[in-house]
Amino acid sequence: MDKYIHIAKTDRAFIAKAFGVTERYVLYALHFDEKRCNADKAKKIRSIAFERGGILMATSPVMEMFHDYDKVMHQYYPNGAHVELDRNNGTGAVIYKGRRVKTYENVALTDIDGIQEFAAALR
């Protein structure tokens, strides 16, 4: 079973800036993908993530939507996809294995099913 650390989008940005790396690099570290990032730096990133309220999660066939305090919703899929919907500005993104594969503007409630189907179908 895969595991990852769930933190708010603002915390990912903070960590990226603090370590002088990209947010994608932080995602690799949070998803324990040490093929794509330095093991020592990844451990430090994960440690800071926990200090900032990160939660260790495990992917499973049940896909729950998490709502952060900063109005950003996250949904993780067993295939490695991650849907991120920002209620502050109406944008959305599908991230697959640490890479943003699709972005959405002005996401409406009726669009969410299609976004979720797209993310679940990625291979």
C-alpha atoms as a PDB file:
ATOM      1  CA  MET A   1       0.000   0.000   0.000  1.00  0.00           C
ATOM      2  CA  ASP A   2       1.388   3.399  -0.978  1.00  0.00           C
ATOM      3  CA  LYS A   3       1.708   6.138   1.583  1.00  0.00           C
ATOM      4  CA  TYR A   4       2.092   9.893   1.469  1.00  0.00           C
ATOM      5  CA  ILE A   5       1.947  12.894   3.753  1.00  0.00           C
ATOM      6  CA  HIS A   6      -1.049  15.179   3.282  1.00  0.00           C
ATOM      7  CA  ILE A   7      -0.413  18.884   3.937  1.00  0.00           C
ATOM      8  CA  ALA A   8      -2.066  22.108   2.827  1.00  0.00           C
ATOM      9  CA  LYS A   9      -1.051  23.709  -0.460  1.00  0.00           C
ATOM     10  CA  THR A  10       0.295  26.752   1.416  1.00  0.00           C
ATOM     11  CA  ASP A  11       2.520  24.488   3.513  1.00  0.00           C
ATOM     12  CA  ARG A  12       3.912  22.817   0.376  1.00  0.00           C
ATOM     13  CA  ALA A  13       4.776  26.262  -0.999  1.00  0.00           C
ATOM     14  CA  PHE A  14       6.404  27.248   2.305  1.00  0.00           C
ATOM     15  CA  ILE A  15       8.527  24.085   2.378  1.00  0.00           C
ATOM     16  CA  ALA A  16       9.557  24.494  -1.269  1.00  0.00           C
ATOM     17  CA  LYS A  17      10.718  28.044  -0.595  1.00  0.00           C
ATOM     18  CA  ALA A  18      12.482  27.071   2.645  1.00  0.00           C
ATOM     19  CA  PHE A  19      14.470  24.307   0.917  1.00  0.00           C
ATOM     20  CA  GLY A  20      14.988  26.157  -2.369  1.00  0.00           C
ATOM     21  CA  VAL A  21      13.236  23.443  -4.384  1.00  0.00           C
ATOM     22  CA  THR A  22      10.120  23.234  -6.555  1.00  0.00           C
ATOM     23  CA  GLU A  23       6.707  22.228  -5.240  1.00  0.00           C
ATOM     24  CA  ARG A  24       6.976  19.140  -7.462  1.00  0.00           C
ATOM     25  CA  TYR A  25      10.140  18.157  -5.581  1.00  0.00           C
ATOM     26  CA  VAL A  26       8.236  18.570  -2.298  1.00  0.00           C
ATOM     27  CA  LEU A  27       5.458  16.322  -3.664  1.00  0.00           C
ATOM     28  CA  TYR A  28       8.046  13.662  -4.526  1.00  0.00           C
ATOM     29  CA  ALA A  29       9.380  13.818  -0.973  1.00  0.00           C
ATOM     30  CA  LEU A  30       5.886  13.696   0.530  1.00  0.00           C
ATOM     31  CA  HIS A  31       5.075  10.650  -1.608  1.00  0.00           C
ATOM     32  CA  PHE A  32       8.284   8.901  -0.475  1.00  0.00           C
ATOM     33  CA  ASP A  33       9.612   8.875  -4.066  1.00  0.00           C
ATOM     34  CA  GLU A  34      13.304   8.862  -3.288  1.00  0.00           C
ATOM     35  CA  LYS A  35      14.223   7.953  -6.866  1.00  0.00           C
ATOM     36  CA  ARG A  36      13.410  11.555  -7.778  1.00  0.00           C
ATOM     37  CA  CYS A  37      14.791  13.354  -4.738  1.00  0.00           C
ATOM     38  CA  ASN A  38      17.722  13.234  -2.352  1.00  0.00           C
ATOM     39  CA  ALA A  39      16.948  10.858   0.541  1.00  0.00           C
ATOM     40  CA  ASP A  40      18.366  13.111   3.274  1.00  0.00           C
ATOM     41  CA  LYS A  41      16.598  16.218   1.990  1.00  0.00           C
ATOM     42  CA  ALA A  42      13.357  14.228   1.552  1.00  0.00           C
ATOM     43  CA  LYS A  43      13.520  13.132   5.202  1.00  0.00           C
ATOM     44  CA  LYS A  44      13.944  16.753   6.304  1.00  0.00           C
ATOM     45  CA  ILE A  45      11.036  17.850   4.100  1.00  0.00           C
ATOM     46  CA  ARG A  46       8.809  15.136   5.590  1.00  0.00           C
ATOM     47  CA  SER A  47       9.866  16.151   9.106  1.00  0.00           C
ATOM     48  CA  ILE A  48       8.899  19.792   8.458  1.00  0.00           C
ATOM     49  CA  ALA A  49       5.629  18.616   6.880  1.00  0.00           C
ATOM     50  CA  PHE A  50       4.729  16.776  10.083  1.00  0.00           C
ATOM     51  CA  GLU A  51       5.671  19.828  12.165  1.00  0.00           C
ATOM     52  CA  ARG A  52       3.284  21.906  10.033  1.00  0.00           C
ATOM     53  CA  GLY A  53       0.381  19.527  10.651  1.00  0.00           C
ATOM     54  CA  GLY A  54       0.975  16.912   7.942  1.00  0.00           C
ATOM     55  CA  ILE A  55      -0.934  13.659   8.200  1.00  0.00           C
ATOM     56  CA  LEU A  56       0.474  10.305   7.100  1.00  0.00           C
ATOM     57  CA  MET A  57      -2.028   8.716   4.718  1.00  0.00           C
ATOM     58  CA  ALA A  58      -2.256   5.422   2.854  1.00  0.00           C
ATOM     59  CA  THR A  59      -3.962   5.093  -0.508  1.00  0.00           C
ATOM     60  CA  SER A  60      -6.804   2.642  -0.752  1.00  0.00           C
ATOM     61  CA  PRO A  61      -9.697   2.011  -3.095  1.00  0.00           C
ATOM     62  CA  VAL A  62     -11.837   4.343  -0.975  1.00  0.00           C
ATOM     63  CA  MET A  63     -11.162   7.858  -2.213  1.00  0.00           C
ATOM     64  CA  GLU A  64     -12.204  10.535   0.231  1.00  0.00           C
ATOM     65  CA  MET A  65     -12.127  14.258  -0.427  1.00  0.00           C
ATOM     66  CA  PHE A  66     -10.133  16.261   2.128  1.00  0.00           C
ATOM     67  CA  HIS A  67     -11.037  19.871   2.808  1.00  0.00           C
ATOM     68  CA  ASP A  68      -8.192  22.019   4.139  1.00  0.00           C
ATOM     69  CA  TYR A  69      -8.670  25.099   6.266  1.00  0.00           C
ATOM     70  CA  ASP A  70      -7.453  27.214   3.343  1.00  0.00           C
ATOM     71  CA  LYS A  71     -10.416  26.114   1.170  1.00  0.00           C
ATOM     72  CA  VAL A  72      -8.400  23.735  -0.999  1.00  0.00           C
ATOM     73  CA  MET A  73      -9.892  20.272  -1.536  1.00  0.00           C
ATOM     74  CA  HIS A  74      -7.719  17.212  -2.206  1.00  0.00           C
ATOM     75  CA  GLN A  75      -8.592  13.754  -3.424  1.00  0.00           C
ATOM     76  CA  TYR A  76      -5.977  11.002  -3.793  1.00  0.00           C
ATOM     77  CA  TYR A  77      -6.364   7.943  -6.020  1.00  0.00           C
ATOM     78  CA  PRO A  78      -4.709   4.507  -5.876  1.00  0.00           C
ATOM     79  CA  ASN A  79      -3.225   5.054  -9.351  1.00  0.00           C
ATOM     80  CA  GLY A  80      -1.101   7.952  -8.047  1.00  0.00           C
ATOM     81  CA  ALA A  81      -3.416  10.731  -9.225  1.00  0.00           C
ATOM     82  CA  HIS A  82      -4.291  13.661  -6.988  1.00  0.00           C
ATOM     83  CA  VAL A  83      -7.154  16.093  -7.642  1.00  0.00           C
ATOM     84  CA  GLU A  84      -6.737  19.542  -6.127  1.00  0.00           C
ATOM     85  CA  LEU A  85      -9.641  22.011  -6.247  1.00  0.00           C
ATOM     86  CA  ASP A  86      -9.070  25.541  -4.951  1.00  0.00           C
ATOM     87  CA  ARG A  87     -12.309  27.158  -3.798  1.00  0.00           C
ATOM     88  CA  ASN A  88     -10.544  30.505  -3.309  1.00  0.00           C
ATOM     89  CA  ASN A  89     -10.090  31.136  -7.020  1.00  0.00           C
ATOM     90  CA  GLY A  90     -12.153  28.403  -8.700  1.00  0.00           C
ATOM     91  CA  THR A  91      -9.184  26.565 -10.190  1.00  0.00           C
ATOM     92  CA  GLY A  92      -8.456  22.873 -10.236  1.00  0.00           C
ATOM     93  CA  ALA A  93      -5.636  20.550 -11.147  1.00  0.00           C
ATOM     94  CA  VAL A  94      -4.984  16.878 -11.692  1.00  0.00           C
ATOM     95  CA  ILE A  95      -1.535  15.840 -10.535  1.00  0.00           C
ATOM     96  CA  TYR A  96      -0.296  12.424 -11.610  1.00  0.00           C
ATOM     97  CA  LYS A  97       2.823  10.968 -10.023  1.00  0.00           C
ATOM     98  CA  GLY A  98       3.998  14.427  -8.998  1.00  0.00           C
ATOM     99  CA  ARG A  99       3.329  16.136 -12.357  1.00  0.00           C
ATOM    100  CA  ARG A 100       0.479  18.483 -13.128  1.00  0.00           C
ATOM    101  CA  VAL A 101      -1.215  16.859 -16.133  1.00  0.00           C
ATOM    102  CA  LYS A 102      -4.302  19.037 -16.429  1.00  0.00           C
ATOM    103  CA  THR A 103      -5.508  22.359 -15.057  1.00  0.00           C
ATOM    104  CA  TYR A 104      -8.992  23.779 -14.896  1.00  0.00           C
ATOM    105  CA  GLU A 105     -10.312  27.340 -14.600  1.00  0.00           C
ATOM    106  CA  ASN A 106     -13.690  28.361 -13.191  1.00  0.00           C
ATOM    107  CA  VAL A 107     -14.529  24.867 -11.939  1.00  0.00           C
ATOM    108  CA  ALA A 108     -18.259  24.412 -11.397  1.00  0.00           C
ATOM    109  CA  LEU A 109     -19.848  21.784  -9.188  1.00  0.00           C
ATOM    110  CA  THR A 110     -21.043  19.979 -12.321  1.00  0.00           C
ATOM    111  CA  ASP A 111     -17.420  19.714 -13.581  1.00  0.00           C
ATOM    112  CA  ILE A 112     -16.133  17.761 -10.589  1.00  0.00           C
ATOM    113  CA  ASP A 113     -17.404  14.344 -11.713  1.00  0.00           C
ATOM    114  CA  GLY A 114     -15.567  14.679 -15.026  1.00  0.00           C
ATOM    115  CA  ILE A 115     -12.367  15.785 -13.305  1.00  0.00           C
ATOM    116  CA  GLN A 116     -12.560  12.801 -10.939  1.00  0.00           C
ATOM    117  CA  GLU A 117     -13.186  10.370 -13.816  1.00  0.00           C
ATOM    118  CA  PHE A 118     -10.189  11.796 -15.693  1.00  0.00           C
ATOM    119  CA  ALA A 119      -7.947  11.364 -12.634  1.00  0.00           C
ATOM    120  CA  ALA A 120      -9.158   7.828 -11.903  1.00  0.00           C
ATOM    121  CA  ALA A 121      -8.543   6.733 -15.513  1.00  0.00           C
ATOM    122  CA  LEU A 122      -4.881   7.800 -15.631  1.00  0.00           C
ATOM    123  CA  ARG A 123      -2.370   4.989 -16.097  1.00  0.00           C
END
